[in-house]
Each structure stands twice: as C-alpha cells, then as structure tokens.
Amino acid sequence: MWSWVAHRVTGVAIFFFLLVHVLDTALVRVSPQAYNEVIGTYKNPVMGLGEAGLVAAIVFHALNGLRIILVDFWAKGPKYQRVMLWVVVGLWVLLMAGFLPVQLVHTFGSH
C-alpha cells in the first residue's frame, strides 16, 4: 500500500514541478528581465534541497512505474511484486547515494 501512496504523491509532486517549470520558462517570452529575476530566486540552498527532492521523486516514480508495468503485464508479476518493490527501493537508494553527495556539494559548497 505504501508504494501505491508514494507513487501517487511523487506523481503529483512531479506534475506541480512541471506546471511551475512551464510557467516560469514561458516568462522569458513576456519579459526576459522578469525571467532572470525568477531564475535568480531559485539559486539558494532551499531550492537546492528541493532539486534533490525532485530527483528523488522522479527516480522513485520511474522505477516504481516499471515495477507496476511488470506486475500488470508479466504473468509472474503479482507473485514477485514484493521482491520487485525491494529491488526498486534498493536501486533507488543506490542511485540517490550516487547523486546526493554531488548535489549537496553543489548546493552547500563554496562557489
């Protein structure tokens, strides 16, 4: 059940990110100066942590989506759904362990 909840939560979070991203990118056509000001507000540690959260959400959503496809379309999918969930969690931890140190140094390191 928790993977179901996490899949929906990450999907909604990604949707809202994409909505904001489209709106702030469209701002460049209206006013390049306003666009630069908005992009400038994103360059802070809070947004750096938000970017890490976004990547975590995208990676989990993608891996879990593949698991859901296997559960739905592979004859043995329902039998192995719990094992596949642990594979998803393990891959997610592994990928995030490779990404987070780089992101955190970029966010909090001296420029």
N, C-alpha and C. Protein backbone atom coordinates (compact mmCIF):
# COMPACT_ATOMS: atom_id res chain seq x y z
N MET A 1 0.82 -1.19 0.00
CA MET A 1 0.00 0.00 0.00
C MET A 1 0.86 1.26 0.00
N TRP A 2 1.98 1.23 0.73
CA TRP A 2 2.81 2.43 0.81
C TRP A 2 3.44 2.78 -0.53
N SER A 3 3.76 1.76 -1.32
CA SER A 3 4.31 2.06 -2.65
C SER A 3 3.24 2.71 -3.52
N TRP A 4 1.98 2.31 -3.35
CA TRP A 4 0.87 2.93 -4.07
C TRP A 4 0.76 4.41 -3.70
N VAL A 5 0.82 4.68 -2.39
CA VAL A 5 0.75 6.07 -1.91
C VAL A 5 1.94 6.87 -2.41
N ALA A 6 3.14 6.31 -2.29
CA ALA A 6 4.35 7.02 -2.72
C ALA A 6 4.32 7.29 -4.22
N HIS A 7 3.78 6.35 -4.99
CA HIS A 7 3.71 6.56 -6.44
C HIS A 7 2.79 7.73 -6.77
N ARG A 8 1.66 7.81 -6.07
CA ARG A 8 0.72 8.92 -6.32
C ARG A 8 1.30 10.26 -5.85
N VAL A 9 1.91 10.26 -4.67
CA VAL A 9 2.49 11.50 -4.14
C VAL A 9 3.60 12.01 -5.04
N THR A 10 4.50 11.12 -5.47
CA THR A 10 5.58 11.56 -6.35
C THR A 10 5.03 12.02 -7.70
N GLY A 11 3.99 11.36 -8.19
CA GLY A 11 3.38 11.79 -9.46
C GLY A 11 2.80 13.18 -9.36
N VAL A 12 2.10 13.48 -8.27
CA VAL A 12 1.52 14.81 -8.08
C VAL A 12 2.62 15.85 -7.92
N ALA A 13 3.67 15.52 -7.17
CA ALA A 13 4.78 16.45 -6.98
C ALA A 13 5.46 16.77 -8.31
N ILE A 14 5.68 15.75 -9.11
CA ILE A 14 6.31 15.96 -10.43
C ILE A 14 5.40 16.80 -11.31
N PHE A 15 4.10 16.55 -11.26
CA PHE A 15 3.15 17.34 -12.05
C PHE A 15 3.24 18.82 -11.67
N PHE A 16 3.23 19.13 -10.37
CA PHE A 16 3.29 20.53 -9.96
C PHE A 16 4.63 21.17 -10.31
N PHE A 17 5.73 20.41 -10.22
CA PHE A 17 7.00 20.95 -10.67
C PHE A 17 6.93 21.31 -12.15
N LEU A 18 6.39 20.39 -12.96
CA LEU A 18 6.31 20.65 -14.40
C LEU A 18 5.44 21.86 -14.70
N LEU A 19 4.36 22.02 -13.96
CA LEU A 19 3.49 23.19 -14.14
C LEU A 19 4.26 24.48 -13.86
N VAL A 20 4.95 24.53 -12.74
CA VAL A 20 5.75 25.72 -12.40
C VAL A 20 6.86 25.93 -13.42
N HIS A 21 7.49 24.85 -13.83
CA HIS A 21 8.58 24.94 -14.80
C HIS A 21 8.10 25.52 -16.13
N VAL A 22 6.96 25.06 -16.61
CA VAL A 22 6.41 25.59 -17.86
C VAL A 22 6.08 27.07 -17.70
N LEU A 23 5.48 27.43 -16.58
CA LEU A 23 5.10 28.83 -16.36
C LEU A 23 6.32 29.73 -16.26
N ASP A 24 7.33 29.33 -15.49
CA ASP A 24 8.49 30.22 -15.36
C ASP A 24 9.31 30.26 -16.64
N THR A 25 9.33 29.18 -17.41
CA THR A 25 10.04 29.20 -18.69
C THR A 25 9.30 30.08 -19.70
N ALA A 26 7.98 30.05 -19.67
CA ALA A 26 7.18 30.88 -20.57
C ALA A 26 7.38 32.36 -20.28
N LEU A 27 7.79 32.67 -19.06
CA LEU A 27 8.01 34.06 -18.67
C LEU A 27 9.08 34.73 -19.51
N VAL A 28 10.00 33.96 -20.07
CA VAL A 28 11.07 34.53 -20.88
C VAL A 28 10.50 35.24 -22.11
N ARG A 29 9.37 34.76 -22.63
CA ARG A 29 8.74 35.40 -23.80
C ARG A 29 8.06 36.71 -23.42
N VAL A 30 7.61 36.80 -22.18
CA VAL A 30 6.91 38.00 -21.73
C VAL A 30 7.91 39.08 -21.33
N SER A 31 8.87 38.69 -20.50
CA SER A 31 9.85 39.65 -20.01
C SER A 31 11.13 38.91 -19.62
N PRO A 32 12.17 39.03 -20.45
CA PRO A 32 13.44 38.37 -20.10
C PRO A 32 13.99 38.82 -18.75
N GLN A 33 13.78 40.08 -18.40
CA GLN A 33 14.26 40.57 -17.11
C GLN A 33 13.52 39.88 -15.96
N ALA A 34 12.21 39.76 -16.08
CA ALA A 34 11.43 39.07 -15.04
C ALA A 34 11.84 37.60 -14.95
N TYR A 35 12.09 36.99 -16.11
CA TYR A 35 12.55 35.60 -16.13
C TYR A 35 13.86 35.46 -15.36
N ASN A 36 14.82 36.36 -15.63
CA ASN A 36 16.10 36.31 -14.94
C ASN A 36 15.94 36.50 -13.44
N GLU A 37 15.02 37.37 -13.04
CA GLU A 37 14.77 37.58 -11.61
C GLU A 37 14.20 36.33 -10.96
N VAL A 38 13.26 35.69 -11.63
CA VAL A 38 12.66 34.46 -11.08
C VAL A 38 13.72 33.37 -10.98
N ILE A 39 14.50 33.18 -12.04
CA ILE A 39 15.54 32.15 -12.02
C ILE A 39 16.56 32.46 -10.92
N GLY A 40 16.83 33.74 -10.70
CA GLY A 40 17.75 34.14 -9.64
C GLY A 40 17.26 33.74 -8.26
N THR A 41 15.95 33.76 -8.06
CA THR A 41 15.41 33.37 -6.75
C THR A 41 15.57 31.88 -6.49
N TYR A 42 15.80 31.10 -7.53
CA TYR A 42 15.96 29.66 -7.37
C TYR A 42 17.36 29.27 -6.90
N LYS A 43 18.29 30.21 -6.93
CA LYS A 43 19.68 29.89 -6.61
C LYS A 43 19.94 30.09 -5.11
N ASN A 44 19.37 29.19 -4.31
CA ASN A 44 19.58 29.22 -2.87
C ASN A 44 19.55 27.78 -2.34
N PRO A 45 20.04 27.58 -1.13
CA PRO A 45 20.12 26.21 -0.59
C PRO A 45 18.77 25.51 -0.46
N VAL A 46 17.72 26.24 -0.17
CA VAL A 46 16.40 25.61 -0.05
C VAL A 46 15.98 25.00 -1.39
N MET A 47 16.20 25.73 -2.46
CA MET A 47 15.85 25.21 -3.79
C MET A 47 16.79 24.08 -4.18
N GLY A 48 18.04 24.13 -3.73
CA GLY A 48 18.97 23.02 -3.98
C GLY A 48 18.47 21.74 -3.33
N LEU A 49 17.94 21.85 -2.11
CA LEU A 49 17.35 20.69 -1.46
C LEU A 49 16.07 20.27 -2.19
N GLY A 50 15.32 21.25 -2.69
CA GLY A 50 14.13 20.94 -3.48
C GLY A 50 14.47 20.18 -4.74
N GLU A 51 15.57 20.56 -5.38
CA GLU A 51 16.02 19.84 -6.58
C GLU A 51 16.37 18.40 -6.23
N ALA A 52 17.01 18.20 -5.09
CA ALA A 52 17.34 16.84 -4.66
C ALA A 52 16.06 16.05 -4.42
N GLY A 53 15.08 16.68 -3.80
CA GLY A 53 13.79 16.02 -3.58
C GLY A 53 13.10 15.69 -4.89
N LEU A 54 13.21 16.60 -5.86
CA LEU A 54 12.60 16.36 -7.17
C LEU A 54 13.25 15.16 -7.85
N VAL A 55 14.58 15.10 -7.81
CA VAL A 55 15.27 13.96 -8.42
C VAL A 55 14.88 12.66 -7.70
N ALA A 56 14.80 12.71 -6.38
CA ALA A 56 14.39 11.52 -5.62
C ALA A 56 12.99 11.08 -6.04
N ALA A 57 12.09 12.03 -6.20
CA ALA A 57 10.72 11.70 -6.61
C ALA A 57 10.68 11.11 -8.02
N ILE A 58 11.42 11.71 -8.94
CA ILE A 58 11.43 11.23 -10.33
C ILE A 58 12.01 9.83 -10.41
N VAL A 59 13.12 9.60 -9.71
CA VAL A 59 13.77 8.28 -9.77
C VAL A 59 12.84 7.22 -9.18
N PHE A 60 12.24 7.51 -8.01
CA PHE A 60 11.33 6.52 -7.43
C PHE A 60 10.13 6.28 -8.34
N HIS A 61 9.54 7.35 -8.84
CA HIS A 61 8.35 7.23 -9.69
C HIS A 61 8.65 6.40 -10.94
N ALA A 62 9.80 6.63 -11.54
CA ALA A 62 10.18 5.89 -12.74
C ALA A 62 10.41 4.41 -12.45
N LEU A 63 11.18 4.12 -11.41
CA LEU A 63 11.47 2.73 -11.07
C LEU A 63 10.20 1.99 -10.65
N ASN A 64 9.39 2.64 -9.83
CA ASN A 64 8.15 2.01 -9.38
C ASN A 64 7.18 1.84 -10.55
N GLY A 65 7.20 2.77 -11.48
CA GLY A 65 6.35 2.63 -12.67
C GLY A 65 6.73 1.40 -13.49
N LEU A 66 8.02 1.14 -13.61
CA LEU A 66 8.46 -0.08 -14.30
C LEU A 66 8.00 -1.32 -13.55
N ARG A 67 8.06 -1.25 -12.22
CA ARG A 67 7.58 -2.38 -11.40
C ARG A 67 6.09 -2.61 -11.62
N ILE A 68 5.33 -1.54 -11.67
CA ILE A 68 3.88 -1.65 -11.88
C ILE A 68 3.59 -2.27 -13.25
N ILE A 69 4.35 -1.86 -14.26
CA ILE A 69 4.17 -2.45 -15.59
C ILE A 69 4.43 -3.95 -15.54
N LEU A 70 5.50 -4.36 -14.83
CA LEU A 70 5.80 -5.78 -14.72
C LEU A 70 4.70 -6.53 -13.96
N VAL A 71 4.19 -5.94 -12.89
CA VAL A 71 3.11 -6.58 -12.14
C VAL A 71 1.88 -6.75 -13.03
N ASP A 72 1.59 -5.75 -13.84
CA ASP A 72 0.38 -5.79 -14.67
C ASP A 72 0.51 -6.69 -15.90
N PHE A 73 1.68 -6.72 -16.51
CA PHE A 73 1.80 -7.39 -17.80
C PHE A 73 2.65 -8.66 -17.83
N TRP A 74 3.32 -8.97 -16.74
CA TRP A 74 4.12 -10.19 -16.66
C TRP A 74 3.31 -11.20 -15.86
N ALA A 75 3.15 -12.39 -16.39
CA ALA A 75 2.32 -13.41 -15.74
C ALA A 75 2.76 -13.68 -14.30
N LYS A 76 4.07 -13.62 -14.04
CA LYS A 76 4.56 -13.88 -12.68
C LYS A 76 4.71 -12.60 -11.86
N GLY A 77 4.31 -11.47 -12.44
CA GLY A 77 4.45 -10.19 -11.76
C GLY A 77 3.82 -10.13 -10.38
N PRO A 78 2.55 -10.53 -10.24
CA PRO A 78 1.93 -10.47 -8.90
C PRO A 78 2.66 -11.33 -7.87
N LYS A 79 3.20 -12.45 -8.31
CA LYS A 79 3.92 -13.34 -7.39
C LYS A 79 5.18 -12.67 -6.85
N TYR A 80 5.85 -11.92 -7.71
CA TYR A 80 7.13 -11.31 -7.33
C TYR A 80 7.03 -9.81 -7.02
N GLN A 81 5.82 -9.31 -6.84
CA GLN A 81 5.67 -7.86 -6.66
C GLN A 81 6.40 -7.35 -5.42
N ARG A 82 6.40 -8.12 -4.34
CA ARG A 82 7.09 -7.67 -3.12
C ARG A 82 8.61 -7.65 -3.33
N VAL A 83 9.13 -8.67 -3.97
CA VAL A 83 10.57 -8.72 -4.27
C VAL A 83 10.95 -7.56 -5.19
N MET A 84 10.11 -7.32 -6.19
CA MET A 84 10.39 -6.21 -7.11
C MET A 84 10.35 -4.87 -6.39
N LEU A 85 9.47 -4.73 -5.40
CA LEU A 85 9.43 -3.48 -4.62
C LEU A 85 10.77 -3.27 -3.90
N TRP A 86 11.31 -4.34 -3.31
CA TRP A 86 12.60 -4.21 -2.63
C TRP A 86 13.73 -3.93 -3.62
N VAL A 87 13.62 -4.46 -4.82
CA VAL A 87 14.60 -4.14 -5.87
C VAL A 87 14.51 -2.66 -6.21
N VAL A 88 13.29 -2.15 -6.34
CA VAL A 88 13.08 -0.72 -6.62
C VAL A 88 13.69 0.12 -5.51
N VAL A 89 13.40 -0.24 -4.27
CA VAL A 89 13.94 0.53 -3.13
C VAL A 89 15.47 0.47 -3.13
N GLY A 90 16.03 -0.71 -3.38
CA GLY A 90 17.49 -0.84 -3.41
C GLY A 90 18.12 -0.03 -4.52
N LEU A 91 17.54 -0.09 -5.72
CA LEU A 91 18.06 0.72 -6.83
C LEU A 91 17.93 2.21 -6.53
N TRP A 92 16.81 2.58 -5.93
CA TRP A 92 16.59 3.99 -5.59
C TRP A 92 17.65 4.47 -4.60
N VAL A 93 17.90 3.68 -3.57
CA VAL A 93 18.93 4.05 -2.58
C VAL A 93 20.29 4.15 -3.25
N LEU A 94 20.62 3.20 -4.10
CA LEU A 94 21.91 3.20 -4.80
C LEU A 94 22.06 4.43 -5.69
N LEU A 95 21.03 4.73 -6.47
CA LEU A 95 21.10 5.89 -7.37
C LEU A 95 21.15 7.20 -6.59
N MET A 96 20.38 7.28 -5.52
CA MET A 96 20.40 8.50 -4.71
C MET A 96 21.72 8.66 -3.98
N ALA A 97 22.34 7.55 -3.58
CA ALA A 97 23.64 7.62 -2.91
C ALA A 97 24.71 8.16 -3.86
N GLY A 98 24.55 7.91 -5.15
CA GLY A 98 25.48 8.46 -6.13
C GLY A 98 25.19 9.92 -6.44
N PHE A 99 23.92 10.30 -6.38
CA PHE A 99 23.52 11.66 -6.76
C PHE A 99 23.64 12.66 -5.62
N LEU A 100 23.18 12.29 -4.43
CA LEU A 100 23.08 13.25 -3.34
C LEU A 100 24.39 13.92 -2.95
N PRO A 101 25.50 13.20 -2.82
CA PRO A 101 26.74 13.91 -2.45
C PRO A 101 27.11 15.01 -3.45
N VAL A 102 26.96 14.72 -4.72
CA VAL A 102 27.27 15.72 -5.74
C VAL A 102 26.33 16.92 -5.61
N GLN A 103 25.05 16.65 -5.45
CA GLN A 103 24.06 17.73 -5.34
C GLN A 103 24.30 18.56 -4.07
N LEU A 104 24.59 17.91 -2.97
CA LEU A 104 24.80 18.63 -1.72
C LEU A 104 26.08 19.48 -1.77
N VAL A 105 27.12 18.98 -2.40
CA VAL A 105 28.34 19.79 -2.56
C VAL A 105 28.02 21.00 -3.46
N HIS A 106 27.26 20.75 -4.52
CA HIS A 106 26.89 21.85 -5.40
C HIS A 106 26.01 22.88 -4.68
N THR A 107 25.12 22.41 -3.81
CA THR A 107 24.20 23.29 -3.10
C THR A 107 24.89 24.05 -1.99
N PHE A 108 25.70 23.37 -1.19
CA PHE A 108 26.26 23.98 0.01
C PHE A 108 27.75 24.28 -0.09
N GLY A 109 28.40 23.81 -1.16
CA GLY A 109 29.83 24.05 -1.31
C GLY A 109 30.11 25.50 -1.65
N SER A 110 31.35 25.91 -1.41
CA SER A 110 31.71 27.29 -1.74
C SER A 110 31.86 27.44 -3.24
N HIS A 111 31.38 28.54 -3.75
CA HIS A 111 31.38 28.79 -5.19
C HIS A 111 32.50 29.74 -5.54
